[in-house]
Amino acid sequence: MGIVSVTLKLVGGVTRTLQGVGNVLELRRNLISLGMLDKQGFVCRAKGGVLKITKGSMVFMRAKLENGFIFW
C-alpha cells in the first residue's frame, strides 16, 4: 500500500484533488479515509443516502451512499 494524491472527476465536470489517499495496487479503486479527511480539516456529513464533504464554506464533494459504500 502506498499514499498518493488522486484527482476526482465529479458530476458536472468538476475535478478535485485529494492528498494522502491510500492506494492498494490489487484494488481497482483508491481508498479514501474519513479519518484522513478529518485530519485535513474537512467535515463529513451523511444524511438521506448522501455523503457531503465540506471545508469551510466550500463543498468539496457530494457522494451517493449505496449498500454502505460511496460512489461519485
PDB file of N, CA and C in Angstrom:
ATOM      1  N   MET A   1       0.845  -1.186   0.000  1.00  0.00           N
ATOM      2  CA  MET A   1       0.000   0.000   0.000  1.00  0.00           C
ATOM      3  C   MET A   1       0.878   1.232   0.000  1.00  0.00           C
ATOM      4  N   GLY A   2       0.465   2.217  -0.753  1.00  0.00           N
ATOM      5  CA  GLY A   2       1.171   3.479  -0.793  1.00  0.00           C
ATOM      6  C   GLY A   2       0.212   4.629  -0.553  1.00  0.00           C
ATOM      7  N   ILE A   3       0.757   5.797  -0.291  1.00  0.00           N
ATOM      8  CA  ILE A   3      -0.045   7.001  -0.086  1.00  0.00           C
ATOM      9  C   ILE A   3       0.189   7.906  -1.289  1.00  0.00           C
ATOM     10  N   VAL A   4      -0.901   8.292  -1.953  1.00  0.00           N
ATOM     11  CA  VAL A   4      -0.804   9.063  -3.192  1.00  0.00           C
ATOM     12  C   VAL A   4      -1.780  10.234  -3.174  1.00  0.00           C
ATOM     13  N   SER A   5      -1.700  11.067  -4.177  1.00  0.00           N
ATOM     14  CA  SER A   5      -2.692  12.109  -4.443  1.00  0.00           C
ATOM     15  C   SER A   5      -3.539  11.627  -5.607  1.00  0.00           C
ATOM     16  N   VAL A   6      -4.853  11.842  -5.523  1.00  0.00           N
ATOM     17  CA  VAL A   6      -5.735  11.452  -6.626  1.00  0.00           C
ATOM     18  C   VAL A   6      -6.592  12.640  -7.021  1.00  0.00           C
ATOM     19  N   THR A   7      -6.893  12.702  -8.307  1.00  0.00           N
ATOM     20  CA  THR A   7      -7.801  13.710  -8.819  1.00  0.00           C
ATOM     21  C   THR A   7      -9.125  13.028  -9.097  1.00  0.00           C
ATOM     22  N   LEU A   8     -10.188  13.551  -8.488  1.00  0.00           N
ATOM     23  CA  LEU A   8     -11.519  13.000  -8.649  1.00  0.00           C
ATOM     24  C   LEU A   8     -12.269  13.800  -9.702  1.00  0.00           C
ATOM     25  N   LYS A   9     -12.917  13.118 -10.621  1.00  0.00           N
ATOM     26  CA  LYS A   9     -13.768  13.777 -11.606  1.00  0.00           C
ATOM     27  C   LYS A   9     -15.200  13.612 -11.109  1.00  0.00           C
ATOM     28  N   LEU A  10     -15.815  14.708 -10.715  1.00  0.00           N
ATOM     29  CA  LEU A  10     -17.140  14.680 -10.120  1.00  0.00           C
ATOM     30  C   LEU A  10     -18.206  15.061 -11.129  1.00  0.00           C
ATOM     31  N   VAL A  11     -19.442  14.873 -10.728  1.00  0.00           N
ATOM     32  CA  VAL A  11     -20.582  15.220 -11.579  1.00  0.00           C
ATOM     33  C   VAL A  11     -20.508  16.705 -11.944  1.00  0.00           C
ATOM     34  N   GLY A  12     -20.850  17.028 -13.163  1.00  0.00           N
ATOM     35  CA  GLY A  12     -20.827  18.416 -13.611  1.00  0.00           C
ATOM     36  C   GLY A  12     -19.478  18.854 -14.135  1.00  0.00           C
ATOM     37  N   GLY A  13     -18.531  17.916 -14.273  1.00  0.00           N
ATOM     38  CA  GLY A  13     -17.219  18.245 -14.816  1.00  0.00           C
ATOM     39  C   GLY A  13     -16.244  18.832 -13.820  1.00  0.00           C
ATOM     40  N   VAL A  14     -16.622  18.896 -12.545  1.00  0.00           N
ATOM     41  CA  VAL A  14     -15.752  19.450 -11.514  1.00  0.00           C
ATOM     42  C   VAL A  14     -14.674  18.421 -11.161  1.00  0.00           C
ATOM     43  N   THR A  15     -13.435  18.878 -10.997  1.00  0.00           N
ATOM     44  CA  THR A  15     -12.364  17.997 -10.542  1.00  0.00           C
ATOM     45  C   THR A  15     -11.840  18.493  -9.202  1.00  0.00           C
ATOM     46  N   ARG A  16     -11.497  17.559  -8.339  1.00  0.00           N
ATOM     47  CA  ARG A  16     -10.930  17.868  -7.024  1.00  0.00           C
ATOM     48  C   ARG A  16      -9.745  16.944  -6.785  1.00  0.00           C
ATOM     49  N   THR A  17      -8.723  17.433  -6.096  1.00  0.00           N
ATOM     50  CA  THR A  17      -7.556  16.623  -5.774  1.00  0.00           C
ATOM     51  C   THR A  17      -7.503  16.381  -4.277  1.00  0.00           C
ATOM     52  N   LEU A  18      -7.331  15.112  -3.911  1.00  0.00           N
ATOM     53  CA  LEU A  18      -7.173  14.721  -2.508  1.00  0.00           C
ATOM     54  C   LEU A  18      -5.743  14.275  -2.276  1.00  0.00           C
ATOM     55  N   GLN A  19      -5.154  14.720  -1.176  1.00  0.00           N
ATOM     56  CA  GLN A  19      -3.812  14.318  -0.777  1.00  0.00           C
ATOM     57  C   GLN A  19      -3.918  13.199   0.255  1.00  0.00           C
ATOM     58  N   GLY A  20      -2.949  12.319   0.322  1.00  0.00           N
ATOM     59  CA  GLY A  20      -2.884  11.307   1.361  1.00  0.00           C
ATOM     60  C   GLY A  20      -3.886  10.177   1.209  1.00  0.00           C
ATOM     61  N   VAL A  21      -4.166   9.766  -0.017  1.00  0.00           N
ATOM     62  CA  VAL A  21      -5.130   8.691  -0.271  1.00  0.00           C
ATOM     63  C   VAL A  21      -4.386   7.357  -0.294  1.00  0.00           C
ATOM     64  N   GLY A  22      -4.959   6.346   0.376  1.00  0.00           N
ATOM     65  CA  GLY A  22      -4.360   5.012   0.368  1.00  0.00           C
ATOM     66  C   GLY A  22      -4.548   4.365  -0.988  1.00  0.00           C
ATOM     67  N   ASN A  23      -3.476   3.803  -1.523  1.00  0.00           N
ATOM     68  CA  ASN A  23      -3.528   3.142  -2.822  1.00  0.00           C
ATOM     69  C   ASN A  23      -3.025   1.710  -2.665  1.00  0.00           C
ATOM     70  N   VAL A  24      -3.880   0.746  -2.992  1.00  0.00           N
ATOM     71  CA  VAL A  24      -3.510  -0.665  -2.958  1.00  0.00           C
ATOM     72  C   VAL A  24      -3.553  -1.156  -4.393  1.00  0.00           C
ATOM     73  N   LEU A  25      -2.414  -1.598  -4.909  1.00  0.00           N
ATOM     74  CA  LEU A  25      -2.311  -1.950  -6.323  1.00  0.00           C
ATOM     75  C   LEU A  25      -3.307  -3.020  -6.746  1.00  0.00           C
ATOM     76  N   GLU A  26      -3.651  -3.931  -5.844  1.00  0.00           N
ATOM     77  CA  GLU A  26      -4.561  -5.015  -6.196  1.00  0.00           C
ATOM     78  C   GLU A  26      -6.021  -4.554  -6.291  1.00  0.00           C
ATOM     79  N   LEU A  27      -6.344  -3.384  -5.771  1.00  0.00           N
ATOM     80  CA  LEU A  27      -7.705  -2.872  -5.819  1.00  0.00           C
ATOM     81  C   LEU A  27      -7.905  -2.032  -7.076  1.00  0.00           C
ATOM     82  N   ARG A  28      -9.117  -2.045  -7.573  1.00  0.00           N
ATOM     83  CA  ARG A  28      -9.425  -1.261  -8.762  1.00  0.00           C
ATOM     84  C   ARG A  28      -9.742   0.189  -8.425  1.00  0.00           C
ATOM     85  N   ARG A  29      -9.936   0.486  -7.138  1.00  0.00           N
ATOM     86  CA  ARG A  29     -10.266   1.847  -6.712  1.00  0.00           C
ATOM     87  C   ARG A  29      -9.342   2.265  -5.575  1.00  0.00           C
ATOM     88  N   ASN A  30      -9.206   3.567  -5.369  1.00  0.00           N
ATOM     89  CA  ASN A  30      -8.426   4.083  -4.255  1.00  0.00           C
ATOM     90  C   ASN A  30      -9.285   4.113  -2.993  1.00  0.00           C
ATOM     91  N   LEU A  31      -8.636   4.134  -1.839  1.00  0.00           N
ATOM     92  CA  LEU A  31      -9.315   4.187  -0.556  1.00  0.00           C
ATOM     93  C   LEU A  31      -9.256   5.604  -0.006  1.00  0.00           C
ATOM     94  N   ILE A  32     -10.400   6.148   0.335  1.00  0.00           N
ATOM     95  CA  ILE A  32     -10.444   7.484   0.934  1.00  0.00           C
ATOM     96  C   ILE A  32     -10.884   7.320   2.379  1.00  0.00           C
ATOM     97  N   SER A  33     -10.035   7.723   3.296  1.00  0.00           N
ATOM     98  CA  SER A  33     -10.303   7.585   4.719  1.00  0.00           C
ATOM     99  C   SER A  33     -10.995   8.834   5.260  1.00  0.00           C
ATOM    100  N   LEU A  34     -12.139   8.642   5.926  1.00  0.00           N
ATOM    101  CA  LEU A  34     -12.807   9.784   6.554  1.00  0.00           C
ATOM    102  C   LEU A  34     -11.933  10.359   7.660  1.00  0.00           C
ATOM    103  N   GLY A  35     -11.170   9.513   8.323  1.00  0.00           N
ATOM    104  CA  GLY A  35     -10.225   9.996   9.339  1.00  0.00           C
ATOM    105  C   GLY A  35      -9.168  10.908   8.737  1.00  0.00           C
ATOM    106  N   MET A  36      -8.665  10.552   7.549  1.00  0.00           N
ATOM    107  CA  MET A  36      -7.688  11.380   6.854  1.00  0.00           C
ATOM    108  C   MET A  36      -8.308  12.714   6.467  1.00  0.00           C
ATOM    109  N   LEU A  37      -9.563  12.679   5.986  1.00  0.00           N
ATOM    110  CA  LEU A  37     -10.234  13.927   5.640  1.00  0.00           C
ATOM    111  C   LEU A  37     -10.416  14.807   6.866  1.00  0.00           C
ATOM    112  N   ASP A  38     -10.782  14.200   7.995  1.00  0.00           N
ATOM    113  CA  ASP A  38     -10.951  14.937   9.245  1.00  0.00           C
ATOM    114  C   ASP A  38      -9.643  15.608   9.665  1.00  0.00           C
ATOM    115  N   LYS A  39      -8.530  14.888   9.571  1.00  0.00           N
ATOM    116  CA  LYS A  39      -7.214  15.456   9.937  1.00  0.00           C
ATOM    117  C   LYS A  39      -6.836  16.629   9.037  1.00  0.00           C
ATOM    118  N   GLN A  40      -7.350  16.634   7.805  1.00  0.00           N
ATOM    119  CA  GLN A  40      -7.047  17.716   6.872  1.00  0.00           C
ATOM    120  C   GLN A  40      -8.043  18.868   6.970  1.00  0.00           C
ATOM    121  N   GLY A  41      -8.964  18.791   7.959  1.00  0.00           N
ATOM    122  CA  GLY A  41      -9.879  19.901   8.197  1.00  0.00           C
ATOM    123  C   GLY A  41     -11.211  19.818   7.471  1.00  0.00           C
ATOM    124  N   PHE A  42     -11.502  18.684   6.856  1.00  0.00           N
ATOM    125  CA  PHE A  42     -12.784  18.511   6.173  1.00  0.00           C
ATOM    126  C   PHE A  42     -13.849  18.095   7.183  1.00  0.00           C
ATOM    127  N   VAL A  43     -15.100  18.396   6.868  1.00  0.00           N
ATOM    128  CA  VAL A  43     -16.240  17.962   7.669  1.00  0.00           C
ATOM    129  C   VAL A  43     -17.051  17.013   6.798  1.00  0.00           C
ATOM    130  N   CYS A  44     -17.336  15.822   7.331  1.00  0.00           N
ATOM    131  CA  CYS A  44     -18.079  14.799   6.592  1.00  0.00           C
ATOM    132  C   CYS A  44     -19.434  14.599   7.251  1.00  0.00           C
ATOM    133  N   ARG A  45     -20.499  14.715   6.459  1.00  0.00           N
ATOM    134  CA  ARG A  45     -21.857  14.503   6.966  1.00  0.00           C
ATOM    135  C   ARG A  45     -22.598  13.579   6.017  1.00  0.00           C
ATOM    136  N   ALA A  46     -23.306  12.611   6.605  1.00  0.00           N
ATOM    137  CA  ALA A  46     -24.125  11.706   5.803  1.00  0.00           C
ATOM    138  C   ALA A  46     -25.573  11.852   6.242  1.00  0.00           C
ATOM    139  N   LYS A  47     -26.466  12.056   5.278  1.00  0.00           N
ATOM    140  CA  LYS A  47     -27.892  12.197   5.569  1.00  0.00           C
ATOM    141  C   LYS A  47     -28.673  11.844   4.312  1.00  0.00           C
ATOM    142  N   GLY A  48     -29.710  11.038   4.480  1.00  0.00           N
ATOM    143  CA  GLY A  48     -30.574  10.711   3.356  1.00  0.00           C
ATOM    144  C   GLY A  48     -29.870   9.997   2.213  1.00  0.00           C
ATOM    145  N   GLY A  49     -28.846   9.205   2.530  1.00  0.00           N
ATOM    146  CA  GLY A  49     -28.142   8.463   1.487  1.00  0.00           C
ATOM    147  C   GLY A  49     -27.118   9.264   0.712  1.00  0.00           C
ATOM    148  N   VAL A  50     -26.793  10.464   1.200  1.00  0.00           N
ATOM    149  CA  VAL A  50     -25.802  11.306   0.529  1.00  0.00           C
ATOM    150  C   VAL A  50     -24.722  11.704   1.528  1.00  0.00           C
ATOM    151  N   LEU A  51     -23.461  11.528   1.140  1.00  0.00           N
ATOM    152  CA  LEU A  51     -22.329  11.973   1.944  1.00  0.00           C
ATOM    153  C   LEU A  51     -21.876  13.315   1.390  1.00  0.00           C
ATOM    154  N   LYS A  52     -21.777  14.314   2.250  1.00  0.00           N
ATOM    155  CA  LYS A  52     -21.356  15.660   1.845  1.00  0.00           C
ATOM    156  C   LYS A  52     -20.067  15.983   2.588  1.00  0.00           C
ATOM    157  N   ILE A  53     -19.039  16.361   1.849  1.00  0.00           N
ATOM    158  CA  ILE A  53     -17.740  16.694   2.432  1.00  0.00           C
ATOM    159  C   ILE A  53     -17.463  18.164   2.154  1.00  0.00           C
ATOM    160  N   THR A  54     -17.249  18.914   3.240  1.00  0.00           N
ATOM    161  CA  THR A  54     -17.019  20.354   3.124  1.00  0.00           C
ATOM    162  C   THR A  54     -15.731  20.743   3.833  1.00  0.00           C
ATOM    163  N   LYS A  55     -15.216  21.896   3.462  1.00  0.00           N
ATOM    164  CA  LYS A  55     -14.071  22.506   4.149  1.00  0.00           C
ATOM    165  C   LYS A  55     -14.336  24.004   4.139  1.00  0.00           C
ATOM    166  N   GLY A  56     -14.644  24.529   5.320  1.00  0.00           N
ATOM    167  CA  GLY A  56     -15.070  25.920   5.395  1.00  0.00           C
ATOM    168  C   GLY A  56     -16.402  26.057   4.684  1.00  0.00           C
ATOM    169  N   SER A  57     -16.524  27.034   3.803  1.00  0.00           N
ATOM    170  CA  SER A  57     -17.774  27.221   3.069  1.00  0.00           C
ATOM    171  C   SER A  57     -17.786  26.467   1.739  1.00  0.00           C
ATOM    172  N   MET A  58     -16.650  25.830   1.381  1.00  0.00           N
ATOM    173  CA  MET A  58     -16.557  25.122   0.108  1.00  0.00           C
ATOM    174  C   MET A  58     -17.099  23.693   0.235  1.00  0.00           C
ATOM    175  N   VAL A  59     -18.009  23.316  -0.654  1.00  0.00           N
ATOM    176  CA  VAL A  59     -18.452  21.925  -0.741  1.00  0.00           C
ATOM    177  C   VAL A  59     -17.427  21.210  -1.610  1.00  0.00           C
ATOM    178  N   PHE A  60     -16.646  20.329  -0.975  1.00  0.00           N
ATOM    179  CA  PHE A  60     -15.584  19.623  -1.697  1.00  0.00           C
ATOM    180  C   PHE A  60     -16.171  18.563  -2.615  1.00  0.00           C
ATOM    181  N   MET A  61     -17.115  17.783  -2.088  1.00  0.00           N
ATOM    182  CA  MET A  61     -17.763  16.788  -2.915  1.00  0.00           C
ATOM    183  C   MET A  61     -19.029  16.272  -2.253  1.00  0.00           C
ATOM    184  N   ARG A  62     -19.907  15.730  -3.069  1.00  0.00           N
ATOM    185  CA  ARG A  62     -21.099  15.015  -2.611  1.00  0.00           C
ATOM    186  C   ARG A  62     -21.019  13.636  -3.239  1.00  0.00           C
ATOM    187  N   ALA A  63     -21.384  12.636  -2.463  1.00  0.00           N
ATOM    188  CA  ALA A  63     -21.329  11.272  -2.967  1.00  0.00           C
ATOM    189  C   ALA A  63     -22.558  10.503  -2.522  1.00  0.00           C
ATOM    190  N   LYS A  64     -23.013   9.616  -3.367  1.00  0.00           N
ATOM    191  CA  LYS A  64     -24.182   8.794  -3.080  1.00  0.00           C
ATOM    192  C   LYS A  64     -23.743   7.546  -2.312  1.00  0.00           C
ATOM    193  N   LEU A  65     -24.467   7.240  -1.229  1.00  0.00           N
ATOM    194  CA  LEU A  65     -24.198   6.032  -0.466  1.00  0.00           C
ATOM    195  C   LEU A  65     -25.072   4.903  -0.995  1.00  0.00           C
ATOM    196  N   GLU A  66     -24.445   3.791  -1.370  1.00  0.00           N
ATOM    197  CA  GLU A  66     -25.179   2.607  -1.832  1.00  0.00           C
ATOM    198  C   GLU A  66     -24.621   1.382  -1.144  1.00  0.00           C
ATOM    199  N   ASN A  67     -25.475   0.684  -0.404  1.00  0.00           N
ATOM    200  CA  ASN A  67     -25.071  -0.520   0.325  1.00  0.00           C
ATOM    201  C   ASN A  67     -23.873  -0.276   1.231  1.00  0.00           C
ATOM    202  N   GLY A  68     -23.810   0.915   1.828  1.00  0.00           N
ATOM    203  CA  GLY A  68     -22.735   1.246   2.749  1.00  0.00           C
ATOM    204  C   GLY A  68     -21.449   1.714   2.080  1.00  0.00           C
ATOM    205  N   PHE A  69     -21.432   1.796   0.760  1.00  0.00           N
ATOM    206  CA  PHE A  69     -20.257   2.246   0.042  1.00  0.00           C
ATOM    207  C   PHE A  69     -20.539   3.580  -0.638  1.00  0.00           C
ATOM    208  N   ILE A  70     -19.488   4.326  -0.914  1.00  0.00           N
ATOM    209  CA  ILE A  70     -19.625   5.653  -1.515  1.00  0.00           C
ATOM    210  C   ILE A  70     -19.300   5.559  -2.996  1.00  0.00           C
ATOM    211  N   PHE A  71     -20.171   6.137  -3.817  1.00  0.00           N
ATOM    212  CA  PHE A  71     -19.941   6.208  -5.253  1.00  0.00           C
ATOM    213  C   PHE A  71     -20.097   7.660  -5.691  1.00  0.00           C
ATOM    214  N   TRP A  72     -19.174   8.161  -6.525  1.00  0.00           N
ATOM    215  CA  TRP A  72     -19.311   9.508  -7.054  1.00  0.00           C
ATOM    216  C   TRP A  72     -19.073   9.492  -8.518  1.00  0.00           C
TER     217      TRP A  72
END
